Amino acid sequence: MRNALTIDVEDYYHVAAFASVIRFGDWDWYESRVERNVSRLLDLLDAYRAQATFFVLGWVAERHPQLIRAIHARGHEVASHGYAHQLIYTQTRDQFREETRRSKHILEDAIGQQIIGYRAASYSITKQSYWALRILQEEGFRYDSSIFPIHHDRYGIPGSLRFCHVIEGHGGAGLVELPPSTVRLAGVNLPIAGGGYFRIFPYALTRWGIRHLNHKEHQPAVVYLHPWEIDPEQPRIRANALSRFRQYYNLARTESRLRRLLQDFAFGSISSVLEERGLLRGDRDGGQSINGGGPSVGRGLA
């Protein structure tokens, strides 16, 4: 079974954990390492013949349009990660629409193709910001991968569906939601396939979790990674102990673990995985559209 590999394209100083010590207006003062890290990931994916979806910040795409074109030219899917890595539940609906539209246009101008996928900064579509899904549909997105069905201090909707489903829309086929992967243990959803969880948990747990999803639950895994996670030499930011632990723990092991993951499993983009499950079909212009129906249907857009 082919699983979905996703890369959230942001730099080490963009993360929400450092927002209290690094102002958005100061981002240009920091050393940029995103281009070299994404280039390393592209070479690694080529070596293992894997494809991925790259969720790109509009701010990054403005400054590195050649990088976004390289991602696209090497056969990967480009999708939106918003513009400035703002938590959605801290924004008004108008602010969210404006920055989402801005990022989408930047990315579409860079690759000359419609952007249909979205992932919120820090998975910040929660019960408090569920309204964002309707705006995404209105702005032309076909799928979202922002709702993490877990408990977390910054994100998560624990009772949300664990696997891909269609969220009913207004005047259209709805929005496909593809959550990051969890396994159900002792009545709790355990995150097993991305980010800090990929670095903190033993690799054996990640491998077991993906195999369980593929062979027992017959579902593709959704794995996520950030370019800065393969960069153990990144500058250290002064922040609280929890934020530093989340950012820096096991960075030196991430690339070797990713190589093992690419050896053990087959990976494609989100669009390719959704197409295989009958939720997207290719259009003649190279884009995709949502087919009706799907494995399951969630509640309507707020």
C-alpha atoms as a PDB file:
ATOM      1  CA  MET A   1       0.000   0.000   0.000  1.00  0.00           C
ATOM      2  CA  ARG A   2       1.210   3.482  -0.825  1.00  0.00           C
ATOM      3  CA  ASN A   3       1.321   5.945   2.065  1.00  0.00           C
ATOM      4  CA  ALA A   4       1.340   9.747   1.980  1.00  0.00           C
ATOM      5  CA  LEU A   5       4.577  11.551   2.800  1.00  0.00           C
ATOM      6  CA  THR A   6       4.201  15.232   3.602  1.00  0.00           C
ATOM      7  CA  ILE A   7       6.810  17.944   4.174  1.00  0.00           C
ATOM      8  CA  ASP A   8       5.853  21.176   5.944  1.00  0.00           C
ATOM      9  CA  VAL A   9       8.187  23.697   4.310  1.00  0.00           C
ATOM     10  CA  GLU A  10       9.153  26.209   6.959  1.00  0.00           C
ATOM     11  CA  ASP A  11      12.423  27.334   8.528  1.00  0.00           C
ATOM     12  CA  TYR A  12      13.662  26.609  12.039  1.00  0.00           C
ATOM     13  CA  TYR A  13      12.624  30.048  13.354  1.00  0.00           C
ATOM     14  CA  HIS A  14       9.066  29.879  11.970  1.00  0.00           C
ATOM     15  CA  VAL A  15       7.725  27.317  14.424  1.00  0.00           C
ATOM     16  CA  ALA A  16       4.896  28.254  16.792  1.00  0.00           C
ATOM     17  CA  ALA A  17       6.976  27.155  19.790  1.00  0.00           C
ATOM     18  CA  PHE A  18       9.262  30.156  19.234  1.00  0.00           C
ATOM     19  CA  ALA A  19       6.561  32.724  18.406  1.00  0.00           C
ATOM     20  CA  SER A  20       6.851  34.286  21.868  1.00  0.00           C
ATOM     21  CA  VAL A  21      10.564  35.045  21.382  1.00  0.00           C
ATOM     22  CA  ILE A  22      10.779  35.643  17.597  1.00  0.00           C
ATOM     23  CA  ARG A  23       8.522  38.267  16.044  1.00  0.00           C
ATOM     24  CA  PHE A  24       7.234  37.799  12.506  1.00  0.00           C
ATOM     25  CA  GLY A  25       8.683  41.202  11.605  1.00  0.00           C
ATOM     26  CA  ASP A  26      12.166  39.941  12.483  1.00  0.00           C
ATOM     27  CA  TRP A  27      12.143  36.798  10.350  1.00  0.00           C
ATOM     28  CA  ASP A  28      14.307  38.319   7.628  1.00  0.00           C
ATOM     29  CA  TRP A  29      17.101  38.887  10.158  1.00  0.00           C
ATOM     30  CA  TYR A  30      17.607  35.166  10.753  1.00  0.00           C
ATOM     31  CA  GLU A  31      19.843  32.877   8.724  1.00  0.00           C
ATOM     32  CA  SER A  32      17.728  31.009   6.179  1.00  0.00           C
ATOM     33  CA  ARG A  33      18.429  27.277   5.971  1.00  0.00           C
ATOM     34  CA  VAL A  34      15.222  26.114   4.313  1.00  0.00           C
ATOM     35  CA  GLU A  35      16.588  25.985   0.766  1.00  0.00           C
ATOM     36  CA  ARG A  36      19.548  23.732   1.570  1.00  0.00           C
ATOM     37  CA  ASN A  37      17.397  21.464   3.773  1.00  0.00           C
ATOM     38  CA  VAL A  38      14.643  21.048   1.195  1.00  0.00           C
ATOM     39  CA  SER A  39      17.256  20.355  -1.474  1.00  0.00           C
ATOM     40  CA  ARG A  40      18.677  17.584   0.712  1.00  0.00           C
ATOM     41  CA  LEU A  41      15.197  16.115   1.114  1.00  0.00           C
ATOM     42  CA  LEU A  42      14.596  16.225  -2.641  1.00  0.00           C
ATOM     43  CA  ASP A  43      17.831  14.327  -3.285  1.00  0.00           C
ATOM     44  CA  LEU A  44      16.907  11.784  -0.624  1.00  0.00           C
ATOM     45  CA  LEU A  45      13.449  11.236  -2.106  1.00  0.00           C
ATOM     46  CA  ASP A  46      14.979  10.800  -5.560  1.00  0.00           C
ATOM     47  CA  ALA A  47      17.347   8.167  -4.180  1.00  0.00           C
ATOM     48  CA  TYR A  48      14.429   6.117  -2.850  1.00  0.00           C
ATOM     49  CA  ARG A  49      12.051   6.921  -5.721  1.00  0.00           C
ATOM     50  CA  ALA A  50       9.503   8.378  -3.328  1.00  0.00           C
ATOM     51  CA  GLN A  51       7.079  11.229  -3.948  1.00  0.00           C
ATOM     52  CA  ALA A  52       5.681  13.659  -1.401  1.00  0.00           C
ATOM     53  CA  THR A  53       3.389  16.615  -0.846  1.00  0.00           C
ATOM     54  CA  PHE A  54       5.240  19.776   0.166  1.00  0.00           C
ATOM     55  CA  PHE A  55       3.055  22.143   2.210  1.00  0.00           C
ATOM     56  CA  VAL A  56       4.834  25.459   1.637  1.00  0.00           C
ATOM     57  CA  LEU A  57       4.597  28.709   3.573  1.00  0.00           C
ATOM     58  CA  GLY A  58       3.775  31.616   1.268  1.00  0.00           C
ATOM     59  CA  TRP A  59       6.476  33.654   3.027  1.00  0.00           C
ATOM     60  CA  VAL A  60       9.063  31.053   2.018  1.00  0.00           C
ATOM     61  CA  ALA A  61       7.758  30.855  -1.551  1.00  0.00           C
ATOM     62  CA  GLU A  62       8.052  34.636  -1.949  1.00  0.00           C
ATOM     63  CA  ARG A  63      11.748  34.510  -1.068  1.00  0.00           C
ATOM     64  CA  HIS A  64      12.632  31.202  -2.741  1.00  0.00           C
ATOM     65  CA  PRO A  65      10.404  30.817  -5.814  1.00  0.00           C
ATOM     66  CA  GLN A  66      13.101  28.769  -7.557  1.00  0.00           C
ATOM     67  CA  LEU A  67      12.898  26.223  -4.736  1.00  0.00           C
ATOM     68  CA  ILE A  68       9.150  25.828  -5.191  1.00  0.00           C
ATOM     69  CA  ARG A  69       9.621  25.364  -8.926  1.00  0.00           C
ATOM     70  CA  ALA A  70      12.271  22.722  -8.220  1.00  0.00           C
ATOM     71  CA  ILE A  71       9.885  20.802  -5.934  1.00  0.00           C
ATOM     72  CA  HIS A  72       7.269  20.832  -8.675  1.00  0.00           C
ATOM     73  CA  ALA A  73       9.712  20.000 -11.479  1.00  0.00           C
ATOM     74  CA  ARG A  74      10.956  16.935  -9.612  1.00  0.00           C
ATOM     75  CA  GLY A  75       7.476  15.445  -9.564  1.00  0.00           C
ATOM     76  CA  HIS A  76       6.229  16.346  -6.109  1.00  0.00           C
ATOM     77  CA  GLU A  77       2.964  18.017  -5.157  1.00  0.00           C
ATOM     78  CA  VAL A  78       3.031  21.632  -3.967  1.00  0.00           C
ATOM     79  CA  ALA A  79       0.333  22.585  -1.443  1.00  0.00           C
ATOM     80  CA  SER A  80      -0.281  25.484   0.948  1.00  0.00           C
ATOM     81  CA  HIS A  81       0.859  25.859   4.552  1.00  0.00           C
ATOM     82  CA  GLY A  82      -0.622  29.328   4.868  1.00  0.00           C
ATOM     83  CA  TYR A  83       1.444  32.485   4.569  1.00  0.00           C
ATOM     84  CA  ALA A  84       3.132  33.341   7.883  1.00  0.00           C
ATOM     85  CA  HIS A  85       2.627  30.274  10.109  1.00  0.00           C
ATOM     86  CA  GLN A  86      -0.110  31.930  12.145  1.00  0.00           C
ATOM     87  CA  LEU A  87      -2.314  29.819  14.412  1.00  0.00           C
ATOM     88  CA  ILE A  88      -5.771  29.966  12.862  1.00  0.00           C
ATOM     89  CA  TYR A  89      -7.633  30.248  16.154  1.00  0.00           C
ATOM     90  CA  THR A  90      -5.764  33.507  16.848  1.00  0.00           C
ATOM     91  CA  GLN A  91      -7.050  35.039  13.588  1.00  0.00           C
ATOM     92  CA  THR A  92     -10.344  36.520  12.509  1.00  0.00           C
ATOM     93  CA  ARG A  93     -12.129  34.922   9.578  1.00  0.00           C
ATOM     94  CA  ASP A  94     -11.187  37.865   7.350  1.00  0.00           C
ATOM     95  CA  GLN A  95      -7.522  37.638   8.352  1.00  0.00           C
ATOM     96  CA  PHE A  96      -7.462  33.922   7.658  1.00  0.00           C
ATOM     97  CA  ARG A  97      -9.110  34.324   4.254  1.00  0.00           C
ATOM     98  CA  GLU A  98      -6.714  37.101   3.252  1.00  0.00           C
ATOM     99  CA  GLU A  99      -3.527  35.247   4.181  1.00  0.00           C
ATOM    100  CA  THR A 100      -4.791  31.952   2.734  1.00  0.00           C
ATOM    101  CA  ARG A 101      -5.687  33.590  -0.569  1.00  0.00           C
ATOM    102  CA  ARG A 102      -2.334  35.402  -0.648  1.00  0.00           C
ATOM    103  CA  SER A 103      -0.348  32.210  -0.110  1.00  0.00           C
ATOM    104  CA  LYS A 104      -2.356  30.285  -2.688  1.00  0.00           C
ATOM    105  CA  HIS A 105      -1.732  32.926  -5.343  1.00  0.00           C
ATOM    106  CA  ILE A 106       2.018  33.032  -4.598  1.00  0.00           C
ATOM    107  CA  LEU A 107       2.336  29.267  -4.980  1.00  0.00           C
ATOM    108  CA  GLU A 108       0.196  29.128  -8.122  1.00  0.00           C
ATOM    109  CA  ASP A 109       2.249  31.888  -9.705  1.00  0.00           C
ATOM    110  CA  ALA A 110       5.440  29.943  -8.910  1.00  0.00           C
ATOM    111  CA  ILE A 111       4.412  26.622 -10.491  1.00  0.00           C
ATOM    112  CA  GLY A 112       1.687  27.650 -12.951  1.00  0.00           C
ATOM    113  CA  GLN A 113      -0.794  25.124 -11.574  1.00  0.00           C
ATOM    114  CA  GLN A 114      -3.774  25.164  -9.244  1.00  0.00           C
ATOM    115  CA  ILE A 115      -3.042  24.559  -5.562  1.00  0.00           C
ATOM    116  CA  ILE A 116      -5.667  22.231  -4.106  1.00  0.00           C
ATOM    117  CA  GLY A 117      -4.207  21.107  -0.752  1.00  0.00           C
ATOM    118  CA  TYR A 118      -3.869  22.882   2.578  1.00  0.00           C
ATOM    119  CA  ARG A 119      -2.356  22.244   6.001  1.00  0.00           C
ATOM    120  CA  ALA A 120      -2.701  24.705   8.860  1.00  0.00           C
ATOM    121  CA  ALA A 121       0.264  25.912  10.875  1.00  0.00           C
ATOM    122  CA  SER A 122       0.646  23.625  13.906  1.00  0.00           C
ATOM    123  CA  TYR A 123      -2.548  21.769  12.928  1.00  0.00           C
ATOM    124  CA  SER A 124      -4.502  24.744  14.275  1.00  0.00           C
ATOM    125  CA  ILE A 125      -7.908  23.821  12.840  1.00  0.00           C
ATOM    126  CA  THR A 126      -9.586  22.883  16.098  1.00  0.00           C
ATOM    127  CA  LYS A 127     -13.151  23.050  17.392  1.00  0.00           C
ATOM    128  CA  GLN A 128     -12.480  26.750  17.967  1.00  0.00           C
ATOM    129  CA  SER A 129     -11.498  27.338  14.334  1.00  0.00           C
ATOM    130  CA  TYR A 130     -13.559  24.714  12.492  1.00  0.00           C
ATOM    131  CA  TRP A 131     -15.053  27.578  10.477  1.00  0.00           C
ATOM    132  CA  ALA A 132     -11.779  27.707   8.499  1.00  0.00           C
ATOM    133  CA  LEU A 133     -12.793  24.624   6.512  1.00  0.00           C
ATOM    134  CA  ARG A 134     -15.621  26.468   4.776  1.00  0.00           C
ATOM    135  CA  ILE A 135     -13.241  29.263   3.799  1.00  0.00           C
ATOM    136  CA  LEU A 136     -10.810  26.723   2.383  1.00  0.00           C
ATOM    137  CA  GLN A 137     -13.539  25.262   0.208  1.00  0.00           C
ATOM    138  CA  GLU A 138     -14.677  28.720  -0.900  1.00  0.00           C
ATOM    139  CA  GLU A 139     -11.088  29.584  -1.867  1.00  0.00           C
ATOM    140  CA  GLY A 140     -10.826  26.551  -4.139  1.00  0.00           C
ATOM    141  CA  PHE A 141      -9.053  23.970  -1.993  1.00  0.00           C
ATOM    142  CA  ARG A 142     -10.064  20.340  -2.526  1.00  0.00           C
ATOM    143  CA  TYR A 143      -8.494  18.716   0.509  1.00  0.00           C
ATOM    144  CA  ASP A 144      -7.174  19.584   3.954  1.00  0.00           C
ATOM    145  CA  SER A 145      -4.738  17.789   6.274  1.00  0.00           C
ATOM    146  CA  SER A 146      -4.989  19.897   9.426  1.00  0.00           C
ATOM    147  CA  ILE A 147      -7.211  18.082  11.922  1.00  0.00           C
ATOM    148  CA  PHE A 148      -5.135  15.946  14.264  1.00  0.00           C
ATOM    149  CA  PRO A 149      -7.427  13.537  16.186  1.00  0.00           C
ATOM    150  CA  ILE A 150      -5.399  13.711  19.426  1.00  0.00           C
ATOM    151  CA  HIS A 151      -5.079  15.642  22.698  1.00  0.00           C
ATOM    152  CA  HIS A 152      -2.363  18.304  22.588  1.00  0.00           C
ATOM    153  CA  ASP A 153      -1.766  21.618  24.340  1.00  0.00           C
ATOM    154  CA  ARG A 154      -1.748  23.542  21.035  1.00  0.00           C
ATOM    155  CA  TYR A 155      -3.961  21.587  18.625  1.00  0.00           C
ATOM    156  CA  GLY A 156      -6.176  18.561  18.096  1.00  0.00           C
ATOM    157  CA  ILE A 157      -9.798  17.395  17.933  1.00  0.00           C
ATOM    158  CA  PRO A 158      -9.638  14.066  19.801  1.00  0.00           C
ATOM    159  CA  GLY A 159     -13.058  12.848  18.673  1.00  0.00           C
ATOM    160  CA  SER A 160     -12.475  13.528  14.987  1.00  0.00           C
ATOM    161  CA  LEU A 161     -12.368  10.693  12.453  1.00  0.00           C
ATOM    162  CA  ARG A 162      -8.943   9.068  12.171  1.00  0.00           C
ATOM    163  CA  PHE A 163      -8.974   8.323   8.440  1.00  0.00           C
ATOM    164  CA  CYS A 164      -9.699  10.231   5.234  1.00  0.00           C
ATOM    165  CA  HIS A 165     -13.294  11.385   4.920  1.00  0.00           C
ATOM    166  CA  VAL A 166     -15.380  13.979   3.117  1.00  0.00           C
ATOM    167  CA  ILE A 167     -16.633  16.941   5.109  1.00  0.00           C
ATOM    168  CA  GLU A 168     -19.975  17.983   3.682  1.00  0.00           C
ATOM    169  CA  GLY A 169     -19.918  21.347   1.960  1.00  0.00           C
ATOM    170  CA  HIS A 170     -22.309  23.904   0.539  1.00  0.00           C
ATOM    171  CA  GLY A 171     -22.893  23.921  -3.197  1.00  0.00           C
ATOM    172  CA  GLY A 172     -20.128  21.457  -3.946  1.00  0.00           C
ATOM    173  CA  ALA A 173     -18.752  17.998  -3.315  1.00  0.00           C
ATOM    174  CA  GLY A 174     -17.293  18.929   0.049  1.00  0.00           C
ATOM    175  CA  LEU A 175     -13.752  19.010   1.341  1.00  0.00           C
ATOM    176  CA  VAL A 176     -11.653  15.869   1.792  1.00  0.00           C
ATOM    177  CA  GLU A 177      -9.967  15.690   5.199  1.00  0.00           C
ATOM    178  CA  LEU A 178      -6.872  13.490   5.508  1.00  0.00           C
ATOM    179  CA  PRO A 179      -5.669  13.517   9.139  1.00  0.00           C
ATOM    180  CA  PRO A 180      -2.118  12.775  10.272  1.00  0.00           C
ATOM    181  CA  SER A 181      -1.857   9.158  11.337  1.00  0.00           C
ATOM    182  CA  THR A 182      -2.678   7.670  14.721  1.00  0.00           C
ATOM    183  CA  VAL A 183      -3.194   4.195  16.107  1.00  0.00           C
ATOM    184  CA  ARG A 184      -5.860   3.427  18.677  1.00  0.00           C
ATOM    185  CA  LEU A 185      -4.416   2.020  21.927  1.00  0.00           C
ATOM    186  CA  ALA A 186      -6.323   1.615  25.202  1.00  0.00           C
ATOM    187  CA  GLY A 187      -9.038   3.959  23.978  1.00  0.00           C
ATOM    188  CA  VAL A 188      -6.582   6.737  23.065  1.00  0.00           C
ATOM    189  CA  ASN A 189      -5.354   7.916  19.672  1.00  0.00           C
ATOM    190  CA  LEU A 190      -1.553   7.692  19.675  1.00  0.00           C
ATOM    191  CA  PRO A 191       0.302   9.815  17.063  1.00  0.00           C
ATOM    192  CA  ILE A 192       2.882   7.613  15.397  1.00  0.00           C
ATOM    193  CA  ALA A 193       4.084   9.070  12.120  1.00  0.00           C
ATOM    194  CA  GLY A 194       5.578  12.503  12.130  1.00  0.00           C
ATOM    195  CA  GLY A 195       7.470  15.446  13.514  1.00  0.00           C
ATOM    196  CA  GLY A 196       8.477  15.260  17.141  1.00  0.00           C
ATOM    197  CA  TYR A 197       6.703  11.928  17.524  1.00  0.00           C
ATOM    198  CA  PHE A 198       8.920  10.475  14.793  1.00  0.00           C
ATOM    199  CA  ARG A 199      12.018  11.763  16.608  1.00  0.00           C
ATOM    200  CA  ILE A 200      10.991  10.982  20.201  1.00  0.00           C
ATOM    201  CA  PHE A 201       9.389   7.546  19.840  1.00  0.00           C
ATOM    202  CA  PRO A 202      11.565   4.546  18.890  1.00  0.00           C
ATOM    203  CA  TYR A 203      11.589   3.880  15.163  1.00  0.00           C
ATOM    204  CA  ALA A 204      10.209   0.398  15.856  1.00  0.00           C
ATOM    205  CA  LEU A 205       6.980   2.007  17.100  1.00  0.00           C
ATOM    206  CA  THR A 206       6.635   4.065  13.932  1.00  0.00           C
ATOM    207  CA  ARG A 207       7.215   0.998  11.756  1.00  0.00           C
ATOM    208  CA  TRP A 208       4.735  -1.070  13.778  1.00  0.00           C
ATOM    209  CA  GLY A 209       2.134   1.711  13.604  1.00  0.00           C
ATOM    210  CA  ILE A 210       2.326   2.101   9.831  1.00  0.00           C
ATOM    211  CA  ARG A 211       2.210  -1.659   9.306  1.00  0.00           C
ATOM    212  CA  HIS A 212      -0.822  -1.832  11.587  1.00  0.00           C
ATOM    213  CA  LEU A 213      -2.571   0.885   9.572  1.00  0.00           C
ATOM    214  CA  ASN A 214      -1.735  -0.759   6.246  1.00  0.00           C
ATOM    215  CA  HIS A 215      -2.369  -4.414   7.075  1.00  0.00           C
ATOM    216  CA  LYS A 216      -4.883  -4.408   9.934  1.00  0.00           C
ATOM    217  CA  GLU A 217      -6.941  -1.296   9.249  1.00  0.00           C
ATOM    218  CA  HIS A 218      -6.282  -1.207   5.477  1.00  0.00           C
ATOM    219  CA  GLN A 219      -5.544   2.512   5.541  1.00  0.00           C
ATOM    220  CA  PRO A 220      -2.643   4.586   4.188  1.00  0.00           C
ATOM    221  CA  ALA A 221      -0.463   6.349   6.723  1.00  0.00           C
ATOM    222  CA  VAL A 222       0.019  10.121   6.584  1.00  0.00           C
ATOM    223  CA  VAL A 223       3.587  10.933   7.621  1.00  0.00           C
ATOM    224  CA  TYR A 224       4.863  14.480   8.125  1.00  0.00           C
ATOM    225  CA  LEU A 225       8.284  16.060   8.502  1.00  0.00           C
ATOM    226  CA  HIS A 226       9.861  19.534   8.535  1.00  0.00           C
ATOM    227  CA  PRO A 227      13.041  20.393   6.615  1.00  0.00           C
ATOM    228  CA  TRP A 228      14.700  21.715   9.786  1.00  0.00           C
ATOM    229  CA  GLU A 229      14.346  18.245  11.350  1.00  0.00           C
ATOM    230  CA  ILE A 230      17.209  16.907   9.229  1.00  0.00           C
ATOM    231  CA  ASP A 231      19.422  19.850  10.242  1.00  0.00           C
ATOM    232  CA  PRO A 232      21.039  19.178  13.636  1.00  0.00           C
ATOM    233  CA  GLU A 233      23.420  22.119  13.145  1.00  0.00           C
ATOM    234  CA  GLN A 234      20.665  24.739  12.987  1.00  0.00           C
ATOM    235  CA  PRO A 235      21.117  27.778  15.283  1.00  0.00           C
ATOM    236  CA  ARG A 236      19.675  27.293  18.764  1.00  0.00           C
ATOM    237  CA  ILE A 237      16.899  29.635  19.884  1.00  0.00           C
ATOM    238  CA  ARG A 238      16.599  30.713  23.506  1.00  0.00           C
ATOM    239  CA  ALA A 239      13.170  29.559  24.626  1.00  0.00           C
ATOM    240  CA  ASN A 240      11.543  27.591  27.429  1.00  0.00           C
ATOM    241  CA  ALA A 241      12.658  24.039  28.157  1.00  0.00           C
ATOM    242  CA  LEU A 242       9.590  22.343  26.652  1.00  0.00           C
ATOM    243  CA  SER A 243       9.887  24.259  23.367  1.00  0.00           C
ATOM    244  CA  ARG A 244      13.586  23.476  23.110  1.00  0.00           C
ATOM    245  CA  PHE A 245      12.969  19.795  23.795  1.00  0.00           C
ATOM    246  CA  ARG A 246      10.294  19.600  21.097  1.00  0.00           C
ATOM    247  CA  GLN A 247      12.493  21.390  18.587  1.00  0.00           C
ATOM    248  CA  TYR A 248      15.892  19.826  19.150  1.00  0.00           C
ATOM    249  CA  TYR A 249      15.474  16.307  20.539  1.00  0.00           C
ATOM    250  CA  ASN A 250      17.020  13.630  18.296  1.00  0.00           C
ATOM    251  CA  LEU A 251      17.613  15.925  15.309  1.00  0.00           C
ATOM    252  CA  ALA A 252      20.833  14.065  14.582  1.00  0.00           C
ATOM    253  CA  ARG A 253      18.886  10.823  14.053  1.00  0.00           C
ATOM    254  CA  THR A 254      16.073  12.117  11.867  1.00  0.00           C
ATOM    255  CA  GLU A 255      17.708  11.640   8.469  1.00  0.00           C
ATOM    256  CA  SER A 256      18.814   8.081   9.189  1.00  0.00           C
ATOM    257  CA  ARG A 257      15.323   7.241  10.468  1.00  0.00           C
ATOM    258  CA  LEU A 258      13.800   8.776   7.357  1.00  0.00           C
ATOM    259  CA  ARG A 259      16.043   6.592   5.190  1.00  0.00           C
ATOM    260  CA  ARG A 260      14.815   3.509   7.058  1.00  0.00           C
ATOM    261  CA  LEU A 261      11.230   4.652   6.602  1.00  0.00           C
ATOM    262  CA  LEU A 262      11.699   5.098   2.853  1.00  0.00           C
ATOM    263  CA  GLN A 263      13.231   1.621   2.644  1.00  0.00           C
ATOM    264  CA  ASP A 264      10.413  -0.002   4.612  1.00  0.00           C
ATOM    265  CA  PHE A 265       7.375   1.615   2.960  1.00  0.00           C
ATOM    266  CA  ALA A 266       6.142   3.048  -0.343  1.00  0.00           C
ATOM    267  CA  PHE A 267       5.275   6.743  -0.380  1.00  0.00           C
ATOM    268  CA  GLY A 268       3.469   9.133  -2.695  1.00  0.00           C
ATOM    269  CA  SER A 269       1.819  12.535  -2.549  1.00  0.00           C
ATOM    270  CA  ILE A 270      -1.519  13.116  -0.861  1.00  0.00           C
ATOM    271  CA  SER A 271      -3.198  13.638  -4.232  1.00  0.00           C
ATOM    272  CA  SER A 272      -1.902  10.305  -5.523  1.00  0.00           C
ATOM    273  CA  VAL A 273      -3.137   8.506  -2.397  1.00  0.00           C
ATOM    274  CA  LEU A 274      -6.561  10.153  -2.644  1.00  0.00           C
ATOM    275  CA  GLU A 275      -6.776   9.277  -6.332  1.00  0.00           C
ATOM    276  CA  GLU A 276      -6.105   5.631  -5.503  1.00  0.00           C
ATOM    277  CA  ARG A 277      -8.963   5.734  -2.997  1.00  0.00           C
ATOM    278  CA  GLY A 278     -11.345   7.280  -5.523  1.00  0.00           C
ATOM    279  CA  LEU A 279     -11.553  10.682  -3.874  1.00  0.00           C
ATOM    280  CA  LEU A 280      -9.747  12.718  -6.531  1.00  0.00           C
ATOM    281  CA  ARG A 281      -9.660  12.488 -10.279  1.00  0.00           C
ATOM    282  CA  GLY A 282      -7.140  14.114 -12.604  1.00  0.00           C
ATOM    283  CA  ASP A 283      -8.338  16.983 -14.812  1.00  0.00           C
ATOM    284  CA  ARG A 284      -7.043  17.576 -18.344  1.00  0.00           C
ATOM    285  CA  ASP A 285      -5.261  20.757 -17.235  1.00  0.00           C
ATOM    286  CA  GLY A 286      -3.137  18.797 -14.751  1.00  0.00           C
ATOM    287  CA  GLY A 287      -5.128  19.636 -11.658  1.00  0.00           C
ATOM    288  CA  GLN A 288      -7.461  17.449  -9.647  1.00  0.00           C
ATOM    289  CA  SER A 289     -11.046  17.549  -8.544  1.00  0.00           C
ATOM    290  CA  ILE A 290     -13.021  15.808  -5.849  1.00  0.00           C
ATOM    291  CA  ASN A 291     -15.280  12.930  -6.678  1.00  0.00           C
ATOM    292  CA  GLY A 292     -18.471  12.630  -4.724  1.00  0.00           C
ATOM    293  CA  GLY A 293     -18.817  10.187  -1.888  1.00  0.00           C
ATOM    294  CA  GLY A 294     -15.840   8.598  -0.176  1.00  0.00           C
ATOM    295  CA  PRO A 295     -15.159   6.180   2.637  1.00  0.00           C
ATOM    296  CA  SER A 296     -17.007   8.249   5.206  1.00  0.00           C
ATOM    297  CA  VAL A 297     -18.611  11.645   5.631  1.00  0.00           C
ATOM    298  CA  GLY A 298     -17.908  14.004   8.511  1.00  0.00           C
ATOM    299  CA  ARG A 299     -20.082  16.829   9.769  1.00  0.00           C
ATOM    300  CA  GLY A 300     -20.784  19.852   7.624  1.00  0.00           C
ATOM    301  CA  LEU A 301     -18.620  22.940   7.339  1.00  0.00           C
ATOM    302  CA  ALA A 302     -19.170  25.516  10.078  1.00  0.00           C
END
